[in-house]
């Protein structure tokens, strides 16, 4: 029986499944150009699934230095990708960074909290990123985002005590979102 199931699965899988998993035919420069707006100040890659590899390519582009807003939600960015983002040369013009619905987890969030690459960041969205207490507490105690006004951490796995620490430590923010609205 197990051999039969294996053979059945083998024949039912699409023939190009393996190719799709390793497809590097994406023209990232074209993708970036098509989603750049506001005179090169806004890049919306929401849902483009660029992953860590596409993120590396993005961070090598010259226009990244001019961005004021970068939307990377739903892009399959892992903790390793978050570390790559955290290590990018400073982006002093960037004020809004949307990273919702990726997979930073604590590892990536810790790297991000320790990053000095975003000195003028005013709005950071890290909701639904599998962040736990350690990552959230690192954000609460970092001094690397001196201009931060809005932080969104909804949909993560935070203990009540951590949420209380966030509310206290980040009371100066204009907006702190840590609870899901139903």
C-alpha atoms as a PDB file:
ATOM      1  CA  UNK A   1       0.000   0.000   0.000  1.00  0.00           C
ATOM      2  CA  UNK A   2       2.667   2.644   0.831  1.00  0.00           C
ATOM      3  CA  UNK A   3       4.411   1.988  -2.492  1.00  0.00           C
ATOM      4  CA  UNK A   4       1.091   2.524  -4.275  1.00  0.00           C
ATOM      5  CA  UNK A   5       0.516   5.857  -2.495  1.00  0.00           C
ATOM      6  CA  UNK A   6       4.041   6.999  -3.357  1.00  0.00           C
ATOM      7  CA  UNK A   7       3.530   6.174  -7.037  1.00  0.00           C
ATOM      8  CA  UNK A   8       0.117   7.831  -7.038  1.00  0.00           C
ATOM      9  CA  UNK A   9       1.569  11.006  -5.503  1.00  0.00           C
ATOM     10  CA  UNK A  10       4.448  10.947  -7.980  1.00  0.00           C
ATOM     11  CA  UNK A  11       2.132  10.849 -10.957  1.00  0.00           C
ATOM     12  CA  UNK A  12      -0.352  13.329  -9.543  1.00  0.00           C
ATOM     13  CA  UNK A  13       2.264  16.018  -8.888  1.00  0.00           C
ATOM     14  CA  UNK A  14       2.490  18.521 -11.694  1.00  0.00           C
ATOM     15  CA  UNK A  15       5.512  17.877 -13.865  1.00  0.00           C
ATOM     16  CA  UNK A  16       6.814  21.409 -13.465  1.00  0.00           C
ATOM     17  CA  UNK A  17       6.527  21.438  -9.652  1.00  0.00           C
ATOM     18  CA  UNK A  18      10.264  21.071  -9.128  1.00  0.00           C
ATOM     19  CA  UNK A  19      10.973  23.768 -11.689  1.00  0.00           C
ATOM     20  CA  UNK A  20       8.583  26.183  -9.973  1.00  0.00           C
ATOM     21  CA  UNK A  21      10.391  25.721  -6.690  1.00  0.00           C
ATOM     22  CA  UNK A  22      13.735  26.729  -8.192  1.00  0.00           C
ATOM     23  CA  UNK A  23      12.500  29.128 -10.870  1.00  0.00           C
ATOM     24  CA  UNK A  24      14.938  32.019 -11.043  1.00  0.00           C
ATOM     25  CA  UNK A  25      13.460  33.499 -14.203  1.00  0.00           C
ATOM     26  CA  UNK A  26      11.839  36.378 -12.350  1.00  0.00           C
ATOM     27  CA  UNK A  27      12.929  39.688 -13.822  1.00  0.00           C
ATOM     28  CA  UNK A  28      13.308  41.543 -10.526  1.00  0.00           C
ATOM     29  CA  UNK A  29      14.414  44.821 -12.088  1.00  0.00           C
ATOM     30  CA  UNK A  30      11.260  44.861 -14.200  1.00  0.00           C
ATOM     31  CA  UNK A  31       9.130  43.863 -11.181  1.00  0.00           C
ATOM     32  CA  UNK A  32      10.636  46.681  -9.121  1.00  0.00           C
ATOM     33  CA  UNK A  33      10.246  49.237 -11.921  1.00  0.00           C
ATOM     34  CA  UNK A  34       6.580  48.308 -12.455  1.00  0.00           C
ATOM     35  CA  UNK A  35       5.782  48.773  -8.760  1.00  0.00           C
ATOM     36  CA  UNK A  36       7.736  51.962  -8.127  1.00  0.00           C
ATOM     37  CA  UNK A  37       5.626  55.126  -7.879  1.00  0.00           C
ATOM     38  CA  UNK A  38       5.536  58.679  -6.573  1.00  0.00           C
ATOM     39  CA  UNK A  39       8.664  59.678  -8.468  1.00  0.00           C
ATOM     40  CA  UNK A  40      10.636  56.725  -7.153  1.00  0.00           C
ATOM     41  CA  UNK A  41       9.744  57.312  -3.507  1.00  0.00           C
ATOM     42  CA  UNK A  42       7.256  54.440  -3.001  1.00  0.00           C
ATOM     43  CA  UNK A  43       7.745  50.766  -3.782  1.00  0.00           C
ATOM     44  CA  UNK A  44       4.757  48.463  -3.302  1.00  0.00           C
ATOM     45  CA  UNK A  45       5.713  44.789  -3.589  1.00  0.00           C
ATOM     46  CA  UNK A  46       2.780  43.526  -1.542  1.00  0.00           C
ATOM     47  CA  UNK A  47       2.055  39.898  -2.380  1.00  0.00           C
ATOM     48  CA  UNK A  48       4.852  39.543  -4.933  1.00  0.00           C
ATOM     49  CA  UNK A  49       6.448  36.672  -2.941  1.00  0.00           C
ATOM     50  CA  UNK A  50      10.001  37.831  -3.630  1.00  0.00           C
ATOM     51  CA  UNK A  51      11.349  35.925  -0.630  1.00  0.00           C
ATOM     52  CA  UNK A  52      14.841  36.329   0.772  1.00  0.00           C
ATOM     53  CA  UNK A  53      16.495  36.032  -2.639  1.00  0.00           C
ATOM     54  CA  UNK A  54      14.408  38.822  -4.164  1.00  0.00           C
ATOM     55  CA  UNK A  55      14.978  40.929  -1.049  1.00  0.00           C
ATOM     56  CA  UNK A  56      18.758  40.620  -1.528  1.00  0.00           C
ATOM     57  CA  UNK A  57      18.412  41.800  -5.123  1.00  0.00           C
ATOM     58  CA  UNK A  58      16.121  44.654  -4.060  1.00  0.00           C
ATOM     59  CA  UNK A  59      18.599  45.908  -1.478  1.00  0.00           C
ATOM     60  CA  UNK A  60      21.324  46.085  -4.151  1.00  0.00           C
ATOM     61  CA  UNK A  61      19.321  48.553  -6.279  1.00  0.00           C
ATOM     62  CA  UNK A  62      20.334  52.237  -6.291  1.00  0.00           C
ATOM     63  CA  UNK A  63      16.746  53.524  -6.077  1.00  0.00           C
ATOM     64  CA  UNK A  64      16.336  51.934  -2.619  1.00  0.00           C
ATOM     65  CA  UNK A  65      18.205  54.913  -1.132  1.00  0.00           C
ATOM     66  CA  UNK A  66      15.461  57.275  -2.353  1.00  0.00           C
ATOM     67  CA  UNK A  67      12.479  55.337  -0.990  1.00  0.00           C
ATOM     68  CA  UNK A  68      10.242  56.922   1.616  1.00  0.00           C
ATOM     69  CA  UNK A  69       7.810  53.988   1.766  1.00  0.00           C
ATOM     70  CA  UNK A  70       8.483  50.296   1.203  1.00  0.00           C
ATOM     71  CA  UNK A  71       5.672  47.723   1.280  1.00  0.00           C
ATOM     72  CA  UNK A  72       6.922  44.143   1.577  1.00  0.00           C
ATOM     73  CA  UNK A  73       3.875  42.435   3.073  1.00  0.00           C
ATOM     74  CA  UNK A  74       3.118  38.856   1.966  1.00  0.00           C
ATOM     75  CA  UNK A  75       6.596  38.235   0.579  1.00  0.00           C
ATOM     76  CA  UNK A  76       7.748  35.051   2.349  1.00  0.00           C
ATOM     77  CA  UNK A  77      10.622  36.824   4.068  1.00  0.00           C
ATOM     78  CA  UNK A  78      12.221  34.511   6.627  1.00  0.00           C
ATOM     79  CA  UNK A  79      14.286  35.319   9.732  1.00  0.00           C
ATOM     80  CA  UNK A  80      17.376  35.168   7.497  1.00  0.00           C
ATOM     81  CA  UNK A  81      15.790  37.709   5.148  1.00  0.00           C
ATOM     82  CA  UNK A  82      15.006  39.931   8.139  1.00  0.00           C
ATOM     83  CA  UNK A  83      18.690  39.767   9.092  1.00  0.00           C
ATOM     84  CA  UNK A  84      19.665  40.732   5.536  1.00  0.00           C
ATOM     85  CA  UNK A  85      17.259  43.681   5.698  1.00  0.00           C
ATOM     86  CA  UNK A  86      18.630  44.692   9.104  1.00  0.00           C
ATOM     87  CA  UNK A  87      22.196  44.717   7.757  1.00  0.00           C
ATOM     88  CA  UNK A  88      21.477  46.887   4.731  1.00  0.00           C
ATOM     89  CA  UNK A  89      23.370  50.191   4.526  1.00  0.00           C
ATOM     90  CA  UNK A  90      21.332  53.003   6.125  1.00  0.00           C
ATOM     91  CA  UNK A  91      18.193  54.114   4.320  1.00  0.00           C
ATOM     92  CA  UNK A  92      17.824  57.640   5.733  1.00  0.00           C
ATOM     93  CA  UNK A  93      14.835  58.634   3.585  1.00  0.00           C
ATOM     94  CA  UNK A  94      12.698  55.613   4.522  1.00  0.00           C
ATOM     95  CA  UNK A  95       9.878  56.617   6.877  1.00  0.00           C
ATOM     96  CA  UNK A  96       7.369  53.772   6.363  1.00  0.00           C
ATOM     97  CA  UNK A  97       8.186  50.070   6.276  1.00  0.00           C
ATOM     98  CA  UNK A  98       5.380  47.526   5.890  1.00  0.00           C
ATOM     99  CA  UNK A  99       6.465  43.962   6.647  1.00  0.00           C
ATOM    100  CA  UNK A 100       3.140  42.371   7.633  1.00  0.00           C
ATOM    101  CA  UNK A 101       2.492  38.684   6.957  1.00  0.00           C
ATOM    102  CA  UNK A 102       6.068  37.474   6.581  1.00  0.00           C
ATOM    103  CA  UNK A 103       7.979  35.182   8.937  1.00  0.00           C
ATOM    104  CA  UNK A 104      10.489  37.258  10.915  1.00  0.00           C
ATOM    105  CA  UNK A 105       9.953  35.282  14.153  1.00  0.00           C
ATOM    106  CA  UNK A 106      12.070  36.369  17.123  1.00  0.00           C
ATOM    107  CA  UNK A 107      15.365  35.775  15.336  1.00  0.00           C
ATOM    108  CA  UNK A 108      14.607  38.245  12.557  1.00  0.00           C
ATOM    109  CA  UNK A 109      12.874  40.719  14.850  1.00  0.00           C
ATOM    110  CA  UNK A 110      15.884  40.794  17.190  1.00  0.00           C
ATOM    111  CA  UNK A 111      18.180  41.520  14.244  1.00  0.00           C
ATOM    112  CA  UNK A 112      15.809  44.229  13.065  1.00  0.00           C
ATOM    113  CA  UNK A 113      15.607  45.837  16.538  1.00  0.00           C
ATOM    114  CA  UNK A 114      19.417  45.976  16.629  1.00  0.00           C
ATOM    115  CA  UNK A 115      19.650  47.560  13.175  1.00  0.00           C
ATOM    116  CA  UNK A 116      20.792  51.113  12.633  1.00  0.00           C
ATOM    117  CA  UNK A 117      19.707  51.064   8.986  1.00  0.00           C
ATOM    118  CA  UNK A 118      16.435  52.947   9.504  1.00  0.00           C
ATOM    119  CA  UNK A 119      17.219  56.173  11.407  1.00  0.00           C
ATOM    120  CA  UNK A 120      14.137  58.086  10.206  1.00  0.00           C
ATOM    121  CA  UNK A 121      11.573  55.307  10.337  1.00  0.00           C
ATOM    122  CA  UNK A 122       8.233  56.645  11.561  1.00  0.00           C
ATOM    123  CA  UNK A 123       5.904  53.707  10.860  1.00  0.00           C
ATOM    124  CA  UNK A 124       6.750  50.016  11.189  1.00  0.00           C
ATOM    125  CA  UNK A 125       4.280  47.207  10.552  1.00  0.00           C
ATOM    126  CA  UNK A 126       5.378  43.773  11.783  1.00  0.00           C
ATOM    127  CA  UNK A 127       1.965  42.251  12.353  1.00  0.00           C
ATOM    128  CA  UNK A 128       1.423  38.530  11.689  1.00  0.00           C
ATOM    129  CA  UNK A 129       5.149  37.736  11.620  1.00  0.00           C
ATOM    130  CA  UNK A 130       5.344  34.942  14.211  1.00  0.00           C
ATOM    131  CA  UNK A 131       7.011  37.372  16.647  1.00  0.00           C
ATOM    132  CA  UNK A 132       7.163  36.174  20.242  1.00  0.00           C
ATOM    133  CA  UNK A 133       8.040  37.929  23.491  1.00  0.00           C
ATOM    134  CA  UNK A 134      11.821  38.199  22.934  1.00  0.00           C
ATOM    135  CA  UNK A 135      11.413  39.977  19.603  1.00  0.00           C
ATOM    136  CA  UNK A 136       8.713  42.328  20.852  1.00  0.00           C
ATOM    137  CA  UNK A 137      10.720  43.205  23.982  1.00  0.00           C
ATOM    138  CA  UNK A 138      13.762  43.950  21.805  1.00  0.00           C
ATOM    139  CA  UNK A 139      11.627  46.425  19.841  1.00  0.00           C
ATOM    140  CA  UNK A 140      10.379  47.936  23.103  1.00  0.00           C
ATOM    141  CA  UNK A 141      13.906  48.602  24.355  1.00  0.00           C
ATOM    142  CA  UNK A 142      15.718  49.597  21.156  1.00  0.00           C
ATOM    143  CA  UNK A 143      16.975  53.118  20.658  1.00  0.00           C
ATOM    144  CA  UNK A 144      17.525  52.530  16.932  1.00  0.00           C
ATOM    145  CA  UNK A 145      14.222  54.031  15.806  1.00  0.00           C
ATOM    146  CA  UNK A 146      14.286  57.500  17.397  1.00  0.00           C
ATOM    147  CA  UNK A 147      11.569  58.907  15.106  1.00  0.00           C
ATOM    148  CA  UNK A 148       9.165  55.960  15.340  1.00  0.00           C
ATOM    149  CA  UNK A 149       5.559  57.099  15.790  1.00  0.00           C
ATOM    150  CA  UNK A 150       3.563  54.000  14.794  1.00  0.00           C
ATOM    151  CA  UNK A 151       4.225  50.325  15.523  1.00  0.00           C
ATOM    152  CA  UNK A 152       1.909  47.472  14.515  1.00  0.00           C
ATOM    153  CA  UNK A 153       2.527  44.089  16.165  1.00  0.00           C
ATOM    154  CA  UNK A 154      -0.969  42.620  15.893  1.00  0.00           C
ATOM    155  CA  UNK A 155      -1.398  38.911  15.247  1.00  0.00           C
ATOM    156  CA  UNK A 156       1.832  37.855  16.920  1.00  0.00           C
ATOM    157  CA  UNK A 157       2.259  35.622  19.970  1.00  0.00           C
ATOM    158  CA  UNK A 158       2.777  38.004  22.875  1.00  0.00           C
ATOM    159  CA  UNK A 159       2.185  37.307  26.552  1.00  0.00           C
ATOM    160  CA  UNK A 160       0.073  39.716  28.588  1.00  0.00           C
ATOM    161  CA  UNK A 161       3.160  40.853  30.503  1.00  0.00           C
ATOM    162  CA  UNK A 162       4.953  41.610  27.231  1.00  0.00           C
ATOM    163  CA  UNK A 163       1.994  43.644  25.972  1.00  0.00           C
ATOM    164  CA  UNK A 164       2.027  45.622  29.217  1.00  0.00           C
ATOM    165  CA  UNK A 165       5.772  46.276  28.832  1.00  0.00           C
ATOM    166  CA  UNK A 166       5.174  47.444  25.261  1.00  0.00           C
ATOM    167  CA  UNK A 167       2.401  49.798  26.369  1.00  0.00           C
ATOM    168  CA  UNK A 168       4.657  51.286  29.065  1.00  0.00           C
ATOM    169  CA  UNK A 169       7.928  51.428  27.112  1.00  0.00           C
ATOM    170  CA  UNK A 170       6.304  52.725  23.948  1.00  0.00           C
ATOM    171  CA  UNK A 171       3.737  55.052  25.512  1.00  0.00           C
ATOM    172  CA  UNK A 172       5.314  57.940  23.577  1.00  0.00           C
ATOM    173  CA  UNK A 173       4.204  56.470  20.239  1.00  0.00           C
ATOM    174  CA  UNK A 174       1.259  58.006  18.424  1.00  0.00           C
ATOM    175  CA  UNK A 175      -0.035  54.484  17.667  1.00  0.00           C
ATOM    176  CA  UNK A 176       0.817  51.085  19.135  1.00  0.00           C
ATOM    177  CA  UNK A 177      -1.277  48.215  17.789  1.00  0.00           C
ATOM    178  CA  UNK A 178      -0.858  44.930  19.678  1.00  0.00           C
ATOM    179  CA  UNK A 179      -4.362  43.538  19.804  1.00  0.00           C
ATOM    180  CA  UNK A 180      -6.273  41.990  16.918  1.00  0.00           C
ATOM    181  CA  UNK A 181      -9.581  43.655  16.197  1.00  0.00           C
ATOM    182  CA  UNK A 182     -12.472  41.291  15.532  1.00  0.00           C
END
